[in-house]
Amino acid sequence: MAEATHHKHPLKLEDVQTILGRLMIDESFRSKFHSDLDGTLASLGLHAPDDPKKDSDAYDLMKKIQGILKDTGERKTEDIMKDLRSAYLASSDGVIRPRCM
């Protein structure tokens, strides 16, 4: 899904943003993401934890995102967004770079 990056995993910020956007607007993708994370990530070019070719940091980030979005209940959107941002920053080198070509 992503080529060279400055992060610990192969996902660029725009990759994560694309996934989060699809989770918000694509009900089918969201359902599959929650019911079959491994299959969803494999379809995006990421792999399950038992796959020797996997990128465990990217997979761990997606698991964290899945957990954050699974039970939002009465939580404020602002708090959910902060948790998503924190999860991304913890999985990266801590720098959000501007989009570069």
N, C-alpha and C. Protein backbone atom coordinates (compact mmCIF):
# COMPACT_ATOMS: atom_id res chain seq x y z
N MET A 1 0.81 -1.19 0.00
CA MET A 1 0.00 0.00 0.00
C MET A 1 0.86 1.25 0.00
N ALA A 2 1.99 1.21 0.66
CA ALA A 2 2.83 2.39 0.73
C ALA A 2 4.27 2.03 0.45
N GLU A 3 4.97 2.97 -0.15
CA GLU A 3 6.38 2.74 -0.39
C GLU A 3 7.19 3.32 0.75
N ALA A 4 8.37 3.82 0.48
CA ALA A 4 9.27 4.32 1.52
C ALA A 4 8.57 5.34 2.43
N THR A 5 8.92 5.27 3.70
CA THR A 5 8.28 6.14 4.67
C THR A 5 9.25 6.42 5.81
N HIS A 6 8.93 7.40 6.61
CA HIS A 6 9.76 7.75 7.77
C HIS A 6 9.26 7.06 9.03
N HIS A 7 8.23 6.28 8.93
CA HIS A 7 7.60 5.70 10.09
C HIS A 7 8.15 4.31 10.38
N LYS A 8 7.78 3.76 11.53
CA LYS A 8 8.18 2.42 11.92
C LYS A 8 7.49 1.37 11.06
N HIS A 9 6.41 1.73 10.40
CA HIS A 9 5.64 0.80 9.60
C HIS A 9 5.52 1.35 8.19
N PRO A 10 5.04 0.56 7.23
CA PRO A 10 5.01 1.02 5.85
C PRO A 10 3.85 1.94 5.50
N LEU A 11 3.04 2.29 6.46
CA LEU A 11 1.90 3.16 6.18
C LEU A 11 2.31 4.62 6.25
N LYS A 12 1.96 5.36 5.22
CA LYS A 12 2.15 6.80 5.26
C LYS A 12 0.92 7.40 5.93
N LEU A 13 1.04 8.65 6.35
CA LEU A 13 -0.09 9.33 6.98
C LEU A 13 -1.30 9.29 6.06
N GLU A 14 -1.10 9.51 4.77
CA GLU A 14 -2.27 9.51 3.87
C GLU A 14 -2.90 8.13 3.75
N ASP A 15 -2.11 7.05 3.94
CA ASP A 15 -2.69 5.70 3.96
C ASP A 15 -3.63 5.55 5.15
N VAL A 16 -3.17 5.99 6.31
CA VAL A 16 -4.00 5.91 7.52
C VAL A 16 -5.23 6.78 7.36
N GLN A 17 -5.07 7.97 6.79
CA GLN A 17 -6.21 8.85 6.57
C GLN A 17 -7.23 8.21 5.62
N THR A 18 -6.74 7.54 4.60
CA THR A 18 -7.63 6.87 3.65
C THR A 18 -8.43 5.77 4.35
N ILE A 19 -7.75 4.97 5.17
CA ILE A 19 -8.42 3.90 5.90
C ILE A 19 -9.47 4.49 6.85
N LEU A 20 -9.09 5.53 7.59
CA LEU A 20 -10.04 6.15 8.52
C LEU A 20 -11.23 6.75 7.76
N GLY A 21 -10.98 7.37 6.62
CA GLY A 21 -12.06 7.92 5.82
C GLY A 21 -13.01 6.84 5.35
N ARG A 22 -12.47 5.73 4.88
CA ARG A 22 -13.33 4.62 4.45
C ARG A 22 -14.12 4.05 5.61
N LEU A 23 -13.50 4.01 6.79
CA LEU A 23 -14.23 3.52 7.96
C LEU A 23 -15.41 4.42 8.30
N MET A 24 -15.27 5.70 8.02
CA MET A 24 -16.36 6.63 8.34
C MET A 24 -17.48 6.59 7.32
N ILE A 25 -17.15 6.42 6.04
CA ILE A 25 -18.19 6.59 5.02
C ILE A 25 -18.60 5.30 4.31
N ASP A 26 -17.82 4.24 4.44
CA ASP A 26 -18.11 3.00 3.73
C ASP A 26 -18.56 1.93 4.73
N GLU A 27 -19.87 1.77 4.85
CA GLU A 27 -20.43 0.84 5.84
C GLU A 27 -19.95 -0.59 5.64
N SER A 28 -19.84 -1.03 4.40
CA SER A 28 -19.38 -2.38 4.10
C SER A 28 -17.93 -2.58 4.55
N PHE A 29 -17.08 -1.60 4.25
CA PHE A 29 -15.67 -1.66 4.67
C PHE A 29 -15.58 -1.68 6.19
N ARG A 30 -16.36 -0.82 6.84
CA ARG A 30 -16.36 -0.73 8.31
C ARG A 30 -16.78 -2.06 8.93
N SER A 31 -17.81 -2.67 8.38
CA SER A 31 -18.29 -3.94 8.88
C SER A 31 -17.22 -5.02 8.73
N LYS A 32 -16.59 -5.06 7.56
CA LYS A 32 -15.54 -6.06 7.33
C LYS A 32 -14.33 -5.79 8.23
N PHE A 33 -13.98 -4.52 8.41
CA PHE A 33 -12.85 -4.14 9.26
C PHE A 33 -13.06 -4.67 10.69
N HIS A 34 -14.30 -4.57 11.18
CA HIS A 34 -14.58 -5.02 12.55
C HIS A 34 -14.78 -6.54 12.64
N SER A 35 -15.33 -7.16 11.60
CA SER A 35 -15.61 -8.59 11.67
C SER A 35 -14.45 -9.45 11.16
N ASP A 36 -13.64 -8.93 10.26
CA ASP A 36 -12.55 -9.70 9.67
C ASP A 36 -11.36 -8.78 9.42
N LEU A 37 -10.73 -8.37 10.50
CA LEU A 37 -9.60 -7.44 10.39
C LEU A 37 -8.49 -8.03 9.53
N ASP A 38 -8.16 -9.30 9.76
CA ASP A 38 -7.07 -9.92 8.99
C ASP A 38 -7.36 -9.88 7.49
N GLY A 39 -8.57 -10.24 7.10
CA GLY A 39 -8.94 -10.23 5.68
C GLY A 39 -8.94 -8.83 5.10
N THR A 40 -9.44 -7.88 5.88
CA THR A 40 -9.48 -6.50 5.42
C THR A 40 -8.07 -5.97 5.21
N LEU A 41 -7.19 -6.22 6.18
CA LEU A 41 -5.82 -5.73 6.07
C LEU A 41 -5.07 -6.43 4.95
N ALA A 42 -5.31 -7.72 4.76
CA ALA A 42 -4.69 -8.44 3.64
C ALA A 42 -5.11 -7.82 2.31
N SER A 43 -6.38 -7.41 2.21
CA SER A 43 -6.86 -6.79 0.97
C SER A 43 -6.21 -5.43 0.74
N LEU A 44 -5.70 -4.81 1.79
CA LEU A 44 -5.01 -3.52 1.69
C LEU A 44 -3.50 -3.69 1.54
N GLY A 45 -3.03 -4.93 1.55
CA GLY A 45 -1.60 -5.18 1.42
C GLY A 45 -0.88 -5.31 2.75
N LEU A 46 -1.64 -5.34 3.84
CA LEU A 46 -1.08 -5.61 5.16
C LEU A 46 -1.40 -7.06 5.49
N HIS A 47 -0.71 -7.61 6.45
CA HIS A 47 -0.87 -9.04 6.70
C HIS A 47 -1.18 -9.34 8.15
N ALA A 48 -1.73 -10.51 8.35
CA ALA A 48 -2.12 -10.97 9.69
C ALA A 48 -0.89 -11.23 10.55
N PRO A 49 -1.06 -11.24 11.87
CA PRO A 49 0.08 -11.39 12.79
C PRO A 49 0.86 -12.69 12.62
N ASP A 50 0.23 -13.75 12.12
CA ASP A 50 0.96 -15.02 11.96
C ASP A 50 1.60 -15.16 10.59
N ASP A 51 1.52 -14.14 9.76
CA ASP A 51 2.12 -14.16 8.43
C ASP A 51 3.57 -13.71 8.55
N PRO A 52 4.53 -14.54 8.11
CA PRO A 52 5.94 -14.18 8.24
C PRO A 52 6.33 -12.94 7.42
N LYS A 53 5.52 -12.58 6.44
CA LYS A 53 5.82 -11.40 5.63
C LYS A 53 5.13 -10.15 6.16
N LYS A 54 4.50 -10.25 7.30
CA LYS A 54 3.70 -9.16 7.86
C LYS A 54 4.57 -7.98 8.29
N ASP A 55 3.92 -6.90 8.52
CA ASP A 55 4.52 -5.77 9.19
C ASP A 55 3.76 -5.61 10.49
N SER A 56 4.32 -6.09 11.58
CA SER A 56 3.59 -6.13 12.84
C SER A 56 3.25 -4.74 13.37
N ASP A 57 4.08 -3.73 13.11
CA ASP A 57 3.77 -2.38 13.60
C ASP A 57 2.53 -1.82 12.92
N ALA A 58 2.41 -2.04 11.61
CA ALA A 58 1.22 -1.57 10.89
C ALA A 58 -0.01 -2.34 11.36
N TYR A 59 0.15 -3.64 11.54
CA TYR A 59 -0.97 -4.46 12.01
C TYR A 59 -1.41 -4.01 13.40
N ASP A 60 -0.43 -3.77 14.27
CA ASP A 60 -0.75 -3.32 15.64
C ASP A 60 -1.49 -1.98 15.61
N LEU A 61 -1.10 -1.07 14.73
CA LEU A 61 -1.80 0.20 14.61
C LEU A 61 -3.25 -0.02 14.20
N MET A 62 -3.48 -0.91 13.23
CA MET A 62 -4.85 -1.17 12.78
C MET A 62 -5.68 -1.83 13.89
N LYS A 63 -5.05 -2.71 14.69
CA LYS A 63 -5.75 -3.32 15.84
C LYS A 63 -6.15 -2.23 16.84
N LYS A 64 -5.25 -1.28 17.08
CA LYS A 64 -5.57 -0.18 18.00
C LYS A 64 -6.72 0.66 17.46
N ILE A 65 -6.67 0.96 16.17
CA ILE A 65 -7.75 1.73 15.55
C ILE A 65 -9.06 0.96 15.66
N GLN A 66 -9.01 -0.34 15.41
CA GLN A 66 -10.22 -1.17 15.53
C GLN A 66 -10.78 -1.07 16.94
N GLY A 67 -9.92 -1.17 17.94
CA GLY A 67 -10.37 -1.08 19.33
C GLY A 67 -10.95 0.28 19.69
N ILE A 68 -10.33 1.34 19.20
CA ILE A 68 -10.81 2.69 19.47
C ILE A 68 -12.20 2.89 18.88
N LEU A 69 -12.41 2.36 17.68
CA LEU A 69 -13.68 2.59 16.98
C LEU A 69 -14.76 1.58 17.30
N LYS A 70 -14.39 0.48 17.96
CA LYS A 70 -15.36 -0.58 18.22
C LYS A 70 -16.47 -0.14 19.17
N ASP A 71 -16.12 0.42 20.29
CA ASP A 71 -17.11 0.80 21.29
C ASP A 71 -16.98 2.28 21.61
N THR A 72 -17.56 3.12 20.76
CA THR A 72 -17.48 4.55 20.98
C THR A 72 -18.53 5.04 21.95
N GLY A 73 -19.64 4.33 22.05
CA GLY A 73 -20.69 4.64 23.03
C GLY A 73 -21.00 6.11 23.15
N GLU A 74 -20.88 6.62 24.34
CA GLU A 74 -21.21 8.01 24.64
C GLU A 74 -19.99 8.92 24.54
N ARG A 75 -18.89 8.41 24.00
CA ARG A 75 -17.67 9.21 23.93
C ARG A 75 -17.83 10.36 22.94
N LYS A 76 -17.21 11.47 23.25
CA LYS A 76 -17.21 12.63 22.36
C LYS A 76 -16.32 12.34 21.15
N THR A 77 -16.72 12.86 20.02
CA THR A 77 -15.93 12.71 18.79
C THR A 77 -14.52 13.23 19.00
N GLU A 78 -14.39 14.34 19.69
CA GLU A 78 -13.08 14.93 19.95
C GLU A 78 -12.16 13.95 20.69
N ASP A 79 -12.71 13.23 21.66
CA ASP A 79 -11.91 12.26 22.41
C ASP A 79 -11.50 11.07 21.54
N ILE A 80 -12.41 10.63 20.68
CA ILE A 80 -12.09 9.53 19.76
C ILE A 80 -10.98 9.96 18.82
N MET A 81 -11.07 11.17 18.29
CA MET A 81 -10.04 11.68 17.37
C MET A 81 -8.69 11.79 18.07
N LYS A 82 -8.69 12.23 19.32
CA LYS A 82 -7.44 12.31 20.08
C LYS A 82 -6.83 10.92 20.25
N ASP A 83 -7.68 9.93 20.53
CA ASP A 83 -7.17 8.56 20.69
C ASP A 83 -6.60 8.03 19.37
N LEU A 84 -7.27 8.32 18.26
CA LEU A 84 -6.76 7.89 16.96
C LEU A 84 -5.43 8.55 16.65
N ARG A 85 -5.33 9.84 16.92
CA ARG A 85 -4.08 10.57 16.68
C ARG A 85 -2.96 10.01 17.56
N SER A 86 -3.26 9.76 18.81
CA SER A 86 -2.26 9.21 19.73
C SER A 86 -1.78 7.84 19.28
N ALA A 87 -2.70 7.02 18.82
CA ALA A 87 -2.33 5.69 18.33
C ALA A 87 -1.41 5.81 17.13
N TYR A 88 -1.73 6.71 16.21
CA TYR A 88 -0.88 6.91 15.03
C TYR A 88 0.51 7.40 15.45
N LEU A 89 0.55 8.43 16.30
CA LEU A 89 1.84 8.98 16.72
C LEU A 89 2.69 7.95 17.45
N ALA A 90 2.05 7.11 18.27
CA ALA A 90 2.80 6.07 18.99
C ALA A 90 3.36 5.04 18.02
N SER A 91 2.74 4.87 16.86
CA SER A 91 3.20 3.87 15.90
C SER A 91 4.21 4.43 14.91
N SER A 92 4.42 5.74 14.95
CA SER A 92 5.32 6.38 14.00
C SER A 92 6.53 6.93 14.73
N ASP A 93 7.29 7.75 14.03
CA ASP A 93 8.43 8.38 14.68
C ASP A 93 8.03 9.66 15.41
N GLY A 94 6.71 9.91 15.50
CA GLY A 94 6.21 11.04 16.25
C GLY A 94 6.15 12.35 15.49
N VAL A 95 6.44 12.31 14.18
CA VAL A 95 6.42 13.53 13.39
C VAL A 95 5.33 13.40 12.32
N ILE A 96 4.44 14.36 12.28
CA ILE A 96 3.44 14.39 11.20
C ILE A 96 3.98 15.35 10.15
N ARG A 97 4.33 14.81 9.01
CA ARG A 97 4.93 15.61 7.96
C ARG A 97 3.88 16.10 6.98
N PRO A 98 4.16 17.25 6.36
CA PRO A 98 3.24 17.70 5.32
C PRO A 98 3.31 16.74 4.13
N ARG A 99 2.27 16.73 3.37
CA ARG A 99 2.22 15.86 2.20
C ARG A 99 3.28 16.29 1.19
N CYS A 100 4.09 15.35 0.78
CA CYS A 100 5.16 15.63 -0.18
C CYS A 100 4.96 14.77 -1.42
N MET A 101 5.37 15.26 -2.54
CA MET A 101 5.28 14.48 -3.79
C MET A 101 6.59 13.79 -4.04
